[in-house]
Amino acid sequence: MDLDRIIYFFHRSIVYHPFISMGIAAALGILIYIKPKEILRLVLIVLGICAAGYVFHFIWEAFKSGYLNKDIVIHKSIR
């Protein structure tokens, strides 16, 4: 999961679905205008959860690749 792929996904979604993107942007604009403090808190919580998930994904990939290559390293050290 690269950050470039995530950005490309959102860019592609905006380009190929402009009316849905404009609807989402309008809804967010209205919500920010009506309740800015609650929306800012919600955005910060969502960004925190996304950042934590992104970090945990990289940690999981490191553990997974180490676990899958454990047998190869053990067999190399025995020879």
Protein backbone atom coordinates (compact mmCIF):
# COMPACT_ATOMS: atom_id res chain seq x y z
CA MET A 1 0.00 0.00 0.00
CA ASP A 2 1.88 3.00 -1.29
CA LEU A 3 0.84 6.55 -0.60
CA ASP A 4 1.12 7.23 -4.33
CA ARG A 5 -1.47 4.54 -5.07
CA ILE A 6 -3.87 6.02 -2.50
CA ILE A 7 -3.49 9.50 -3.99
CA TYR A 8 -3.91 8.09 -7.50
CA PHE A 9 -7.10 6.29 -6.41
CA PHE A 10 -8.67 9.50 -5.09
CA HIS A 11 -7.52 11.50 -8.12
CA ARG A 12 -8.95 8.88 -10.49
CA SER A 13 -12.24 8.83 -8.54
CA ILE A 14 -12.54 12.61 -8.79
CA VAL A 15 -11.72 12.69 -12.50
CA TYR A 16 -13.99 9.82 -13.56
CA HIS A 17 -16.91 10.63 -11.23
CA PRO A 18 -17.12 14.44 -11.15
CA PHE A 19 -20.79 14.73 -10.16
CA ILE A 20 -20.42 12.39 -7.21
CA SER A 21 -17.27 14.28 -6.17
CA MET A 22 -19.08 17.62 -6.40
CA GLY A 23 -21.97 16.23 -4.33
CA ILE A 24 -19.61 14.99 -1.63
CA ALA A 25 -17.74 18.31 -1.64
CA ALA A 26 -21.02 20.26 -1.39
CA ALA A 27 -22.27 18.09 1.49
CA LEU A 28 -18.98 18.52 3.34
CA GLY A 29 -19.07 22.26 2.70
CA ILE A 30 -22.57 22.55 4.13
CA LEU A 31 -21.66 20.45 7.17
CA ILE A 32 -18.52 22.51 7.78
CA TYR A 33 -20.55 25.71 7.51
CA ILE A 34 -23.24 24.48 9.93
CA LYS A 35 -21.12 22.62 12.54
CA PRO A 36 -17.42 23.44 12.04
CA LYS A 37 -16.20 22.30 15.47
CA GLU A 38 -17.82 18.86 15.31
CA ILE A 39 -16.69 18.28 11.71
CA LEU A 40 -13.11 19.30 12.52
CA ARG A 41 -13.09 16.88 15.45
CA LEU A 42 -14.50 14.12 13.22
CA VAL A 43 -11.93 14.82 10.49
CA LEU A 44 -9.07 14.69 13.00
CA ILE A 45 -10.34 11.41 14.43
CA VAL A 46 -10.66 9.88 10.96
CA LEU A 47 -7.18 11.10 9.97
CA GLY A 48 -5.74 9.64 13.17
CA ILE A 49 -7.40 6.29 12.53
CA CYS A 50 -6.15 6.29 8.93
CA ALA A 51 -2.60 7.16 10.00
CA ALA A 52 -2.62 4.42 12.64
CA GLY A 53 -3.93 1.91 10.09
CA TYR A 54 -1.26 2.96 7.61
CA VAL A 55 1.50 2.45 10.20
CA PHE A 56 0.07 -0.88 11.35
CA HIS A 57 -0.09 -2.03 7.73
CA PHE A 58 3.64 -1.39 7.27
CA ILE A 59 4.42 -3.14 10.57
CA TRP A 60 2.28 -6.12 9.51
CA GLU A 61 4.04 -6.31 6.12
CA ALA A 62 7.44 -6.32 7.84
CA PHE A 63 6.41 -9.10 10.21
CA LYS A 64 4.80 -11.08 7.40
CA SER A 65 7.83 -10.92 5.12
CA GLY A 66 10.11 -11.87 8.03
CA TYR A 67 7.88 -14.79 8.94
CA LEU A 68 7.66 -16.06 5.36
CA ASN A 69 11.44 -15.86 4.86
CA LYS A 70 12.26 -17.43 8.24
CA ASP A 71 12.67 -20.93 6.76
CA ILE A 72 14.99 -19.68 4.03
CA VAL A 73 17.26 -17.95 6.54
CA ILE A 74 17.28 -21.00 8.86
CA HIS A 75 18.19 -23.36 6.02
CA LYS A 76 20.96 -21.03 4.80
CA SER A 77 22.51 -20.85 8.27
CA ILE A 78 22.46 -24.65 8.71
CA ARG A 79 24.42 -25.34 5.49
